[in-house]
Amino acid sequence: MTGKRPPTPPTHLLAATKAWWASVMENFEMEPHHTRLLTLAAETWDRAQSARAVIAKRGPFYDDRFGAPKAHPAVAVERDAKVLFARLLRELRLDIDAPESRPPEGGKR
């Protein structure tokens, strides 16, 4: 260790997410662009958790003005945030051994 203080997590993150952010920063060598990706991933995780809380409180569906069931908008927010979180983690390459099922870099699907 160089004696440098580790960076402080962004203040707007949830407490558990701040702890995760700090743990990643402590355990991995990060370039400035990686730190930005990590922050985006943390924000995205918090967004998914926020949407999950709304869904837990209000339910995944509501009836529109015609009485037809509709998915609550928070369902899409949660889904999109989870997908983006997974993609950001993949970009950060925090897992040392890539899973065998993952396509090779630059490979076509």
PDB file of N, CA and C in Angstrom:
ATOM      1  N   MET A   1       0.839  -1.175   0.000  1.00  0.00           N
ATOM      2  CA  MET A   1       0.000   0.000   0.000  1.00  0.00           C
ATOM      3  C   MET A   1       0.880   1.231   0.000  1.00  0.00           C
ATOM      4  N   THR A   2       0.498   2.227  -0.714  1.00  0.00           N
ATOM      5  CA  THR A   2       1.299   3.434  -0.863  1.00  0.00           C
ATOM      6  C   THR A   2       1.073   4.436   0.249  1.00  0.00           C
ATOM      7  N   GLY A   3       0.195   4.147   1.190  1.00  0.00           N
ATOM      8  CA  GLY A   3      -0.108   5.077   2.256  1.00  0.00           C
ATOM      9  C   GLY A   3      -1.168   6.090   1.862  1.00  0.00           C
ATOM     10  N   LYS A   4      -1.619   6.021   0.626  1.00  0.00           N
ATOM     11  CA  LYS A   4      -2.681   6.893   0.159  1.00  0.00           C
ATOM     12  C   LYS A   4      -4.001   6.468   0.779  1.00  0.00           C
ATOM     13  N   ARG A   5      -4.818   7.453   1.141  1.00  0.00           N
ATOM     14  CA  ARG A   5      -6.152   7.139   1.647  1.00  0.00           C
ATOM     15  C   ARG A   5      -7.009   6.635   0.501  1.00  0.00           C
ATOM     16  N   PRO A   6      -7.784   5.581   0.760  1.00  0.00           N
ATOM     17  CA  PRO A   6      -8.676   5.110  -0.301  1.00  0.00           C
ATOM     18  C   PRO A   6      -9.746   6.153  -0.587  1.00  0.00           C
ATOM     19  N   PRO A   7     -10.236   6.207  -1.809  1.00  0.00           N
ATOM     20  CA  PRO A   7     -11.280   7.172  -2.131  1.00  0.00           C
ATOM     21  C   PRO A   7     -12.550   6.923  -1.315  1.00  0.00           C
ATOM     22  N   THR A   8     -13.266   7.977  -1.078  1.00  0.00           N
ATOM     23  CA  THR A   8     -14.527   7.908  -0.335  1.00  0.00           C
ATOM     24  C   THR A   8     -15.662   7.633  -1.308  1.00  0.00           C
ATOM     25  N   PRO A   9     -16.570   6.731  -0.933  1.00  0.00           N
ATOM     26  CA  PRO A   9     -17.709   6.452  -1.817  1.00  0.00           C
ATOM     27  C   PRO A   9     -18.571   7.705  -1.997  1.00  0.00           C
ATOM     28  N   PRO A  10     -19.246   7.812  -3.123  1.00  0.00           N
ATOM     29  CA  PRO A  10     -20.164   8.930  -3.327  1.00  0.00           C
ATOM     30  C   PRO A  10     -21.214   8.974  -2.214  1.00  0.00           C
ATOM     31  N   THR A  11     -21.506  10.163  -1.729  1.00  0.00           N
ATOM     32  CA  THR A  11     -22.396  10.311  -0.579  1.00  0.00           C
ATOM     33  C   THR A  11     -23.844   9.958  -0.883  1.00  0.00           C
ATOM     34  N   HIS A  12     -24.249   9.992  -2.134  1.00  0.00           N
ATOM     35  CA  HIS A  12     -25.654   9.742  -2.462  1.00  0.00           C
ATOM     36  C   HIS A  12     -26.014   8.260  -2.528  1.00  0.00           C
ATOM     37  N   LEU A  13     -25.034   7.378  -2.388  1.00  0.00           N
ATOM     38  CA  LEU A  13     -25.311   5.943  -2.446  1.00  0.00           C
ATOM     39  C   LEU A  13     -25.915   5.456  -1.130  1.00  0.00           C
ATOM     40  N   LEU A  14     -26.686   4.378  -1.206  1.00  0.00           N
ATOM     41  CA  LEU A  14     -27.201   3.735  -0.005  1.00  0.00           C
ATOM     42  C   LEU A  14     -26.038   3.169   0.804  1.00  0.00           C
ATOM     43  N   ALA A  15     -26.222   3.004   2.104  1.00  0.00           N
ATOM     44  CA  ALA A  15     -25.136   2.566   2.990  1.00  0.00           C
ATOM     45  C   ALA A  15     -24.503   1.245   2.531  1.00  0.00           C
ATOM     46  N   ALA A  16     -25.320   0.259   2.210  1.00  0.00           N
ATOM     47  CA  ALA A  16     -24.772  -1.038   1.774  1.00  0.00           C
ATOM     48  C   ALA A  16     -24.018  -0.897   0.459  1.00  0.00           C
ATOM     49  N   THR A  17     -24.492  -0.036  -0.414  1.00  0.00           N
ATOM     50  CA  THR A  17     -23.833   0.173  -1.699  1.00  0.00           C
ATOM     51  C   THR A  17     -22.523   0.916  -1.502  1.00  0.00           C
ATOM     52  N   LYS A  18     -22.486   1.857  -0.574  1.00  0.00           N
ATOM     53  CA  LYS A  18     -21.233   2.546  -0.241  1.00  0.00           C
ATOM     54  C   LYS A  18     -20.194   1.542   0.235  1.00  0.00           C
ATOM     55  N   ALA A  19     -20.613   0.606   1.080  1.00  0.00           N
ATOM     56  CA  ALA A  19     -19.685  -0.415   1.589  1.00  0.00           C
ATOM     57  C   ALA A  19     -19.164  -1.281   0.449  1.00  0.00           C
ATOM     58  N   TRP A  20     -20.044  -1.664  -0.480  1.00  0.00           N
ATOM     59  CA  TRP A  20     -19.620  -2.464  -1.636  1.00  0.00           C
ATOM     60  C   TRP A  20     -18.637  -1.678  -2.496  1.00  0.00           C
ATOM     61  N   TRP A  21     -18.963  -0.406  -2.786  1.00  0.00           N
ATOM     62  CA  TRP A  21     -18.105   0.467  -3.595  1.00  0.00           C
ATOM     63  C   TRP A  21     -16.712   0.555  -2.960  1.00  0.00           C
ATOM     64  N   ALA A  22     -16.669   0.807  -1.644  1.00  0.00           N
ATOM     65  CA  ALA A  22     -15.390   0.933  -0.938  1.00  0.00           C
ATOM     66  C   ALA A  22     -14.612  -0.377  -0.976  1.00  0.00           C
ATOM     67  N   SER A  23     -15.308  -1.499  -0.836  1.00  0.00           N
ATOM     68  CA  SER A  23     -14.662  -2.810  -0.878  1.00  0.00           C
ATOM     69  C   SER A  23     -14.027  -3.070  -2.242  1.00  0.00           C
ATOM     70  N   VAL A  24     -14.752  -2.735  -3.297  1.00  0.00           N
ATOM     71  CA  VAL A  24     -14.204  -2.928  -4.647  1.00  0.00           C
ATOM     72  C   VAL A  24     -12.978  -2.033  -4.842  1.00  0.00           C
ATOM     73  N   MET A  25     -13.078  -0.791  -4.417  1.00  0.00           N
ATOM     74  CA  MET A  25     -11.950   0.137  -4.572  1.00  0.00           C
ATOM     75  C   MET A  25     -10.727  -0.337  -3.794  1.00  0.00           C
ATOM     76  N   GLU A  26     -10.966  -0.965  -2.653  1.00  0.00           N
ATOM     77  CA  GLU A  26      -9.874  -1.448  -1.808  1.00  0.00           C
ATOM     78  C   GLU A  26      -9.225  -2.705  -2.384  1.00  0.00           C
ATOM     79  N   ASN A  27     -10.019  -3.557  -3.006  1.00  0.00           N
ATOM     80  CA  ASN A  27      -9.532  -4.865  -3.437  1.00  0.00           C
ATOM     81  C   ASN A  27      -9.124  -4.957  -4.903  1.00  0.00           C
ATOM     82  N   PHE A  28      -9.396  -3.932  -5.683  1.00  0.00           N
ATOM     83  CA  PHE A  28      -9.061  -3.961  -7.100  1.00  0.00           C
ATOM     84  C   PHE A  28      -8.309  -2.697  -7.481  1.00  0.00           C
ATOM     85  N   GLU A  29      -7.429  -2.842  -8.436  1.00  0.00           N
ATOM     86  CA  GLU A  29      -6.707  -1.692  -8.969  1.00  0.00           C
ATOM     87  C   GLU A  29      -7.609  -0.998  -9.982  1.00  0.00           C
ATOM     88  N   MET A  30      -7.905   0.256  -9.736  1.00  0.00           N
ATOM     89  CA  MET A  30      -8.855   0.970 -10.575  1.00  0.00           C
ATOM     90  C   MET A  30      -8.220   2.191 -11.223  1.00  0.00           C
ATOM     91  N   GLU A  31      -8.435   2.304 -12.505  1.00  0.00           N
ATOM     92  CA  GLU A  31      -8.086   3.518 -13.244  1.00  0.00           C
ATOM     93  C   GLU A  31      -9.261   4.478 -13.098  1.00  0.00           C
ATOM     94  N   PRO A  32      -9.062   5.764 -13.408  1.00  0.00           N
ATOM     95  CA  PRO A  32     -10.180   6.717 -13.265  1.00  0.00           C
ATOM     96  C   PRO A  32     -11.445   6.307 -14.024  1.00  0.00           C
ATOM     97  N   HIS A  33     -11.301   5.744 -15.221  1.00  0.00           N
ATOM     98  CA  HIS A  33     -12.509   5.345 -15.955  1.00  0.00           C
ATOM     99  C   HIS A  33     -13.194   4.158 -15.291  1.00  0.00           C
ATOM    100  N   HIS A  34     -12.428   3.292 -14.614  1.00  0.00           N
ATOM    101  CA  HIS A  34     -13.041   2.184 -13.880  1.00  0.00           C
ATOM    102  C   HIS A  34     -13.838   2.715 -12.684  1.00  0.00           C
ATOM    103  N   THR A  35     -13.304   3.740 -12.036  1.00  0.00           N
ATOM    104  CA  THR A  35     -14.002   4.330 -10.894  1.00  0.00           C
ATOM    105  C   THR A  35     -15.343   4.904 -11.339  1.00  0.00           C
ATOM    106  N   ARG A  36     -15.367   5.510 -12.501  1.00  0.00           N
ATOM    107  CA  ARG A  36     -16.635   6.046 -13.015  1.00  0.00           C
ATOM    108  C   ARG A  36     -17.617   4.923 -13.328  1.00  0.00           C
ATOM    109  N   LEU A  37     -17.123   3.839 -13.931  1.00  0.00           N
ATOM    110  CA  LEU A  37     -17.995   2.696 -14.206  1.00  0.00           C
ATOM    111  C   LEU A  37     -18.518   2.086 -12.905  1.00  0.00           C
ATOM    112  N   LEU A  38     -17.648   1.990 -11.903  1.00  0.00           N
ATOM    113  CA  LEU A  38     -18.058   1.451 -10.607  1.00  0.00           C
ATOM    114  C   LEU A  38     -19.141   2.327  -9.983  1.00  0.00           C
ATOM    115  N   THR A  39     -18.969   3.630 -10.076  1.00  0.00           N
ATOM    116  CA  THR A  39     -19.969   4.545  -9.533  1.00  0.00           C
ATOM    117  C   THR A  39     -21.288   4.402 -10.275  1.00  0.00           C
ATOM    118  N   LEU A  40     -21.228   4.297 -11.598  1.00  0.00           N
ATOM    119  CA  LEU A  40     -22.458   4.069 -12.373  1.00  0.00           C
ATOM    120  C   LEU A  40     -23.130   2.758 -11.972  1.00  0.00           C
ATOM    121  N   ALA A  41     -22.332   1.709 -11.766  1.00  0.00           N
ATOM    122  CA  ALA A  41     -22.888   0.423 -11.346  1.00  0.00           C
ATOM    123  C   ALA A  41     -23.559   0.548  -9.980  1.00  0.00           C
ATOM    124  N   ALA A  42     -22.925   1.252  -9.064  1.00  0.00           N
ATOM    125  CA  ALA A  42     -23.480   1.427  -7.727  1.00  0.00           C
ATOM    126  C   ALA A  42     -24.788   2.224  -7.787  1.00  0.00           C
ATOM    127  N   GLU A  43     -24.798   3.278  -8.564  1.00  0.00           N
ATOM    128  CA  GLU A  43     -26.024   4.078  -8.722  1.00  0.00           C
ATOM    129  C   GLU A  43     -27.140   3.241  -9.335  1.00  0.00           C
ATOM    130  N   THR A  44     -26.784   2.418 -10.294  1.00  0.00           N
ATOM    131  CA  THR A  44     -27.759   1.566 -10.967  1.00  0.00           C
ATOM    132  C   THR A  44     -28.320   0.524 -10.006  1.00  0.00           C
ATOM    133  N   TRP A  45     -27.457  -0.029  -9.167  1.00  0.00           N
ATOM    134  CA  TRP A  45     -27.916  -0.985  -8.160  1.00  0.00           C
ATOM    135  C   TRP A  45     -28.922  -0.312  -7.217  1.00  0.00           C
ATOM    136  N   ASP A  46     -28.579   0.897  -6.759  1.00  0.00           N
ATOM    137  CA  ASP A  46     -29.491   1.622  -5.873  1.00  0.00           C
ATOM    138  C   ASP A  46     -30.821   1.911  -6.564  1.00  0.00           C
ATOM    139  N   ARG A  47     -30.777   2.232  -7.840  1.00  0.00           N
ATOM    140  CA  ARG A  47     -32.009   2.488  -8.588  1.00  0.00           C
ATOM    141  C   ARG A  47     -32.873   1.222  -8.632  1.00  0.00           C
ATOM    142  N   ALA A  48     -32.250   0.085  -8.862  1.00  0.00           N
ATOM    143  CA  ALA A  48     -32.998  -1.180  -8.882  1.00  0.00           C
ATOM    144  C   ALA A  48     -33.615  -1.456  -7.509  1.00  0.00           C
ATOM    145  N   GLN A  49     -32.868  -1.183  -6.451  1.00  0.00           N
ATOM    146  CA  GLN A  49     -33.382  -1.413  -5.101  1.00  0.00           C
ATOM    147  C   GLN A  49     -34.543  -0.476  -4.776  1.00  0.00           C
ATOM    148  N   SER A  50     -34.439   0.756  -5.238  1.00  0.00           N
ATOM    149  CA  SER A  50     -35.510   1.730  -5.036  1.00  0.00           C
ATOM    150  C   SER A  50     -36.785   1.281  -5.756  1.00  0.00           C
ATOM    151  N   ALA A  51     -36.627   0.837  -6.985  1.00  0.00           N
ATOM    152  CA  ALA A  51     -37.778   0.341  -7.747  1.00  0.00           C
ATOM    153  C   ALA A  51     -38.367  -0.893  -7.076  1.00  0.00           C
ATOM    154  N   ARG A  52     -37.513  -1.775  -6.571  1.00  0.00           N
ATOM    155  CA  ARG A  52     -37.966  -2.986  -5.888  1.00  0.00           C
ATOM    156  C   ARG A  52     -38.807  -2.616  -4.667  1.00  0.00           C
ATOM    157  N   ALA A  53     -38.402  -1.566  -3.938  1.00  0.00           N
ATOM    158  CA  ALA A  53     -39.154  -1.125  -2.757  1.00  0.00           C
ATOM    159  C   ALA A  53     -40.533  -0.606  -3.160  1.00  0.00           C
ATOM    160  N   VAL A  54     -40.606   0.123  -4.253  1.00  0.00           N
ATOM    161  CA  VAL A  54     -41.902   0.620  -4.736  1.00  0.00           C
ATOM    162  C   VAL A  54     -42.792  -0.547  -5.129  1.00  0.00           C
ATOM    163  N   ILE A  55     -42.228  -1.528  -5.820  1.00  0.00           N
ATOM    164  CA  ILE A  55     -43.003  -2.704  -6.240  1.00  0.00           C
ATOM    165  C   ILE A  55     -43.495  -3.480  -5.015  1.00  0.00           C
ATOM    166  N   ALA A  56     -42.644  -3.611  -4.009  1.00  0.00           N
ATOM    167  CA  ALA A  56     -43.043  -4.322  -2.795  1.00  0.00           C
ATOM    168  C   ALA A  56     -44.194  -3.604  -2.089  1.00  0.00           C
ATOM    169  N   LYS A  57     -44.199  -2.289  -2.140  1.00  0.00           N
ATOM    170  CA  LYS A  57     -45.242  -1.502  -1.471  1.00  0.00           C
ATOM    171  C   LYS A  57     -46.534  -1.449  -2.277  1.00  0.00           C
ATOM    172  N   ARG A  58     -46.417  -1.228  -3.574  1.00  0.00           N
ATOM    173  CA  ARG A  58     -47.604  -0.983  -4.403  1.00  0.00           C
ATOM    174  C   ARG A  58     -48.018  -2.165  -5.267  1.00  0.00           C
ATOM    175  N   GLY A  59     -47.126  -3.145  -5.391  1.00  0.00           N
ATOM    176  CA  GLY A  59     -47.424  -4.291  -6.236  1.00  0.00           C
ATOM    177  C   GLY A  59     -46.916  -4.075  -7.655  1.00  0.00           C
ATOM    178  N   PRO A  60     -46.727  -5.153  -8.409  1.00  0.00           N
ATOM    179  CA  PRO A  60     -46.180  -5.036  -9.761  1.00  0.00           C
ATOM    180  C   PRO A  60     -47.194  -4.587 -10.811  1.00  0.00           C
ATOM    181  N   PHE A  61     -48.478  -4.570 -10.445  1.00  0.00           N
ATOM    182  CA  PHE A  61     -49.524  -4.203 -11.399  1.00  0.00           C
ATOM    183  C   PHE A  61     -50.483  -3.197 -10.781  1.00  0.00           C
ATOM    184  N   TYR A  62     -51.153  -2.465 -11.655  1.00  0.00           N
ATOM    185  CA  TYR A  62     -52.228  -1.568 -11.242  1.00  0.00           C
ATOM    186  C   TYR A  62     -53.283  -1.601 -12.340  1.00  0.00           C
ATOM    187  N   ASP A  63     -54.471  -1.144 -12.019  1.00  0.00           N
ATOM    188  CA  ASP A  63     -55.537  -1.068 -13.017  1.00  0.00           C
ATOM    189  C   ASP A  63     -55.571   0.333 -13.603  1.00  0.00           C
ATOM    190  N   ASP A  64     -55.562   0.407 -14.924  1.00  0.00           N
ATOM    191  CA  ASP A  64     -55.627   1.725 -15.562  1.00  0.00           C
ATOM    192  C   ASP A  64     -57.057   2.275 -15.460  1.00  0.00           C
ATOM    193  N   ARG A  65     -57.307   3.411 -16.068  1.00  0.00           N
ATOM    194  CA  ARG A  65     -58.618   4.064 -15.933  1.00  0.00           C
ATOM    195  C   ARG A  65     -59.760   3.260 -16.541  1.00  0.00           C
ATOM    196  N   PHE A  66     -59.412   2.270 -17.367  1.00  0.00           N
ATOM    197  CA  PHE A  66     -60.435   1.409 -17.958  1.00  0.00           C
ATOM    198  C   PHE A  66     -60.575   0.089 -17.201  1.00  0.00           C
ATOM    199  N   GLY A  67     -59.799  -0.055 -16.118  1.00  0.00           N
ATOM    200  CA  GLY A  67     -59.854  -1.269 -15.326  1.00  0.00           C
ATOM    201  C   GLY A  67     -58.977  -2.390 -15.844  1.00  0.00           C
ATOM    202  N   ALA A  68     -58.172  -2.106 -16.859  1.00  0.00           N
ATOM    203  CA  ALA A  68     -57.273  -3.124 -17.409  1.00  0.00           C
ATOM    204  C   ALA A  68     -55.970  -3.148 -16.599  1.00  0.00           C
ATOM    205  N   PRO A  69     -55.470  -4.343 -16.287  1.00  0.00           N
ATOM    206  CA  PRO A  69     -54.221  -4.419 -15.528  1.00  0.00           C
ATOM    207  C   PRO A  69     -53.027  -3.962 -16.371  1.00  0.00           C
ATOM    208  N   LYS A  70     -52.149  -3.199 -15.741  1.00  0.00           N
ATOM    209  CA  LYS A  70     -50.928  -2.701 -16.383  1.00  0.00           C
ATOM    210  C   LYS A  70     -49.758  -2.939 -15.442  1.00  0.00           C
ATOM    211  N   ALA A  71     -48.602  -3.167 -16.016  1.00  0.00           N
ATOM    212  CA  ALA A  71     -47.398  -3.293 -15.183  1.00  0.00           C
ATOM    213  C   ALA A  71     -47.047  -1.927 -14.609  1.00  0.00           C
ATOM    214  N   HIS A  72     -46.683  -1.917 -13.341  1.00  0.00           N
ATOM    215  CA  HIS A  72     -46.259  -0.674 -12.700  1.00  0.00           C
ATOM    216  C   HIS A  72     -44.971  -0.206 -13.379  1.00  0.00           C
ATOM    217  N   PRO A  73     -44.800   1.095 -13.610  1.00  0.00           N
ATOM    218  CA  PRO A  73     -43.575   1.596 -14.248  1.00  0.00           C
ATOM    219  C   PRO A  73     -42.297   1.191 -13.507  1.00  0.00           C
ATOM    220  N   ALA A  74     -42.382   0.971 -12.213  1.00  0.00           N
ATOM    221  CA  ALA A  74     -41.203   0.567 -11.447  1.00  0.00           C
ATOM    222  C   ALA A  74     -40.673  -0.798 -11.880  1.00  0.00           C
ATOM    223  N   VAL A  75     -41.556  -1.631 -12.458  1.00  0.00           N
ATOM    224  CA  VAL A  75     -41.123  -2.948 -12.946  1.00  0.00           C
ATOM    225  C   VAL A  75     -40.083  -2.762 -14.057  1.00  0.00           C
ATOM    226  N   ALA A  76     -40.350  -1.853 -14.980  1.00  0.00           N
ATOM    227  CA  ALA A  76     -39.403  -1.596 -16.074  1.00  0.00           C
ATOM    228  C   ALA A  76     -38.127  -0.939 -15.540  1.00  0.00           C
ATOM    229  N   VAL A  77     -38.265  -0.050 -14.585  1.00  0.00           N
ATOM    230  CA  VAL A  77     -37.085   0.597 -13.998  1.00  0.00           C
ATOM    231  C   VAL A  77     -36.188  -0.458 -13.351  1.00  0.00           C
ATOM    232  N   GLU A  78     -36.794  -1.359 -12.579  1.00  0.00           N
ATOM    233  CA  GLU A  78     -36.012  -2.411 -11.922  1.00  0.00           C
ATOM    234  C   GLU A  78     -35.322  -3.302 -12.956  1.00  0.00           C
ATOM    235  N   ARG A  79     -36.077  -3.747 -13.948  1.00  0.00           N
ATOM    236  CA  ARG A  79     -35.524  -4.620 -14.990  1.00  0.00           C
ATOM    237  C   ARG A  79     -34.349  -3.947 -15.702  1.00  0.00           C
ATOM    238  N   ASP A  80     -34.558  -2.717 -16.144  1.00  0.00           N
ATOM    239  CA  ASP A  80     -33.515  -2.012 -16.885  1.00  0.00           C
ATOM    240  C   ASP A  80     -32.275  -1.775 -16.019  1.00  0.00           C
ATOM    241  N   ALA A  81     -32.497  -1.445 -14.754  1.00  0.00           N
ATOM    242  CA  ALA A  81     -31.365  -1.203 -13.864  1.00  0.00           C
ATOM    243  C   ALA A  81     -30.565  -2.492 -13.629  1.00  0.00           C
ATOM    244  N   LYS A  82     -31.256  -3.613 -13.488  1.00  0.00           N
ATOM    245  CA  LYS A  82     -30.551  -4.883 -13.290  1.00  0.00           C
ATOM    246  C   LYS A  82     -29.717  -5.262 -14.513  1.00  0.00           C
ATOM    247  N   VAL A  83     -30.279  -5.056 -15.690  1.00  0.00           N
ATOM    248  CA  VAL A  83     -29.547  -5.364 -16.924  1.00  0.00           C
ATOM    249  C   VAL A  83     -28.317  -4.466 -17.034  1.00  0.00           C
ATOM    250  N   LEU A  84     -28.497  -3.183 -16.793  1.00  0.00           N
ATOM    251  CA  LEU A  84     -27.378  -2.258 -16.882  1.00  0.00           C
ATOM    252  C   LEU A  84     -26.320  -2.561 -15.828  1.00  0.00           C
ATOM    253  N   PHE A  85     -26.742  -2.915 -14.608  1.00  0.00           N
ATOM    254  CA  PHE A  85     -25.796  -3.274 -13.549  1.00  0.00           C
ATOM    255  C   PHE A  85     -24.933  -4.452 -13.980  1.00  0.00           C
ATOM    256  N   ALA A  86     -25.570  -5.484 -14.534  1.00  0.00           N
ATOM    257  CA  ALA A  86     -24.820  -6.666 -14.984  1.00  0.00           C
ATOM    258  C   ALA A  86     -23.825  -6.298 -16.085  1.00  0.00           C
ATOM    259  N   ARG A  87     -24.229  -5.444 -16.996  1.00  0.00           N
ATOM    260  CA  ARG A  87     -23.332  -5.026 -18.080  1.00  0.00           C
ATOM    261  C   ARG A  87     -22.158  -4.209 -17.553  1.00  0.00           C
ATOM    262  N   LEU A  88     -22.427  -3.332 -16.603  1.00  0.00           N
ATOM    263  CA  LEU A  88     -21.342  -2.533 -16.024  1.00  0.00           C
ATOM    264  C   LEU A  88     -20.366  -3.416 -15.259  1.00  0.00           C
ATOM    265  N   LEU A  89     -20.888  -4.410 -14.538  1.00  0.00           N
ATOM    266  CA  LEU A  89     -19.986  -5.339 -13.848  1.00  0.00           C
ATOM    267  C   LEU A  89     -19.116  -6.091 -14.843  1.00  0.00           C
ATOM    268  N   ARG A  90     -19.710  -6.496 -15.942  1.00  0.00           N
ATOM    269  CA  ARG A  90     -18.940  -7.195 -16.971  1.00  0.00           C
ATOM    270  C   ARG A  90     -17.837  -6.299 -17.510  1.00  0.00           C
ATOM    271  N   GLU A  91     -18.144  -5.028 -17.726  1.00  0.00           N
ATOM    272  CA  GLU A  91     -17.139  -4.077 -18.214  1.00  0.00           C
ATOM    273  C   GLU A  91     -16.014  -3.884 -17.211  1.00  0.00           C
ATOM    274  N   LEU A  92     -16.343  -3.937 -15.928  1.00  0.00           N
ATOM    275  CA  LEU A  92     -15.325  -3.758 -14.888  1.00  0.00           C
ATOM    276  C   LEU A  92     -14.424  -4.980 -14.743  1.00  0.00           C
ATOM    277  N   ARG A  93     -14.900  -6.135 -15.178  1.00  0.00           N
ATOM    278  CA  ARG A  93     -14.128  -7.375 -15.108  1.00  0.00           C
ATOM    279  C   ARG A  93     -13.659  -7.688 -13.684  1.00  0.00           C
ATOM    280  N   LEU A  94     -14.566  -7.598 -12.747  1.00  0.00           N
ATOM    281  CA  LEU A  94     -14.216  -7.855 -11.353  1.00  0.00           C
ATOM    282  C   LEU A  94     -14.019  -9.332 -11.067  1.00  0.00           C
ATOM    283  N   ASP A  95     -14.651 -10.181 -11.884  1.00  0.00           N
ATOM    284  CA  ASP A  95     -14.439 -11.611 -11.694  1.00  0.00           C
ATOM    285  C   ASP A  95     -13.155 -12.016 -12.410  1.00  0.00           C
ATOM    286  N   ILE A  96     -12.330 -12.744 -11.714  1.00  0.00           N
ATOM    287  CA  ILE A  96     -11.024 -13.099 -12.258  1.00  0.00           C
ATOM    288  C   ILE A  96     -11.161 -14.113 -13.382  1.00  0.00           C
ATOM    289  N   ASP A  97     -11.932 -15.151 -13.153  1.00  0.00           N
ATOM    290  CA  ASP A  97     -12.142 -16.177 -14.169  1.00  0.00           C
ATOM    291  C   ASP A  97     -13.480 -15.934 -14.852  1.00  0.00           C
ATOM    292  N   ALA A  98     -13.438 -15.673 -16.136  1.00  0.00           N
ATOM    293  CA  ALA A  98     -14.672 -15.444 -16.885  1.00  0.00           C
ATOM    294  C   ALA A  98     -15.429 -16.756 -17.012  1.00  0.00           C
ATOM    295  N   PRO A  99     -16.738 -16.735 -16.860  1.00  0.00           N
ATOM    296  CA  PRO A  99     -17.513 -17.968 -17.029  1.00  0.00           C
ATOM    297  C   PRO A  99     -17.373 -18.509 -18.446  1.00  0.00           C
ATOM    298  N   GLU A 100     -17.404 -19.817 -18.560  1.00  0.00           N
ATOM    299  CA  GLU A 100     -17.268 -20.469 -19.858  1.00  0.00           C
ATOM    300  C   GLU A 100     -18.405 -20.120 -20.808  1.00  0.00           C
ATOM    301  N   SER A 101     -19.582 -19.820 -20.258  1.00  0.00           N
ATOM    302  CA  SER A 101     -20.741 -19.565 -21.111  1.00  0.00           C
ATOM    303  C   SER A 101     -20.714 -18.168 -21.727  1.00  0.00           C
ATOM    304  N   ARG A 102     -19.808 -17.319 -21.259  1.00  0.00           N
ATOM    305  CA  ARG A 102     -19.744 -15.970 -21.791  1.00  0.00           C
ATOM    306  C   ARG A 102     -19.086 -15.999 -23.155  1.00  0.00           C
ATOM    307  N   PRO A 103     -19.625 -15.251 -24.135  1.00  0.00           N
ATOM    308  CA  PRO A 103     -19.014 -15.257 -25.473  1.00  0.00           C
ATOM    309  C   PRO A 103     -17.628 -14.627 -25.424  1.00  0.00           C
ATOM    310  N   PRO A 104     -16.714 -15.067 -26.281  1.00  0.00           N
ATOM    311  CA  PRO A 104     -15.379 -14.469 -26.303  1.00  0.00           C
ATOM    312  C   PRO A 104     -15.455 -12.999 -26.694  1.00  0.00           C
ATOM    313  N   GLU A 105     -14.445 -12.243 -26.258  1.00  0.00           N
ATOM    314  CA  GLU A 105     -14.417 -10.821 -26.590  1.00  0.00           C
ATOM    315  C   GLU A 105     -14.428 -10.640 -28.092  1.00  0.00           C
ATOM    316  N   GLY A 106     -15.234  -9.710 -28.533  1.00  0.00           N
ATOM    317  CA  GLY A 106     -15.307  -9.406 -29.960  1.00  0.00           C
ATOM    318  C   GLY A 106     -16.077 -10.450 -30.743  1.00  0.00           C
ATOM    319  N   GLY A 107     -16.539 -11.499 -30.041  1.00  0.00           N
ATOM    320  CA  GLY A 107     -17.263 -12.571 -30.723  1.00  0.00           C
ATOM    321  C   GLY A 107     -18.683 -12.150 -31.057  1.00  0.00           C
ATOM    322  N   LYS A 108     -19.198 -12.759 -32.056  1.00  0.00           N
ATOM    323  CA  LYS A 108     -20.580 -12.503 -32.455  1.00  0.00           C
ATOM    324  C   LYS A 108     -21.478 -13.485 -31.741  1.00  0.00           C
ATOM    325  N   ARG A 109     -22.685 -13.041 -31.471  1.00  0.00           N
ATOM    326  CA  ARG A 109     -23.646 -13.931 -30.781  1.00  0.00           C
ATOM    327  C   ARG A 109     -24.510 -14.631 -31.779  1.00  0.00           C
TER     328      ARG A 109
END
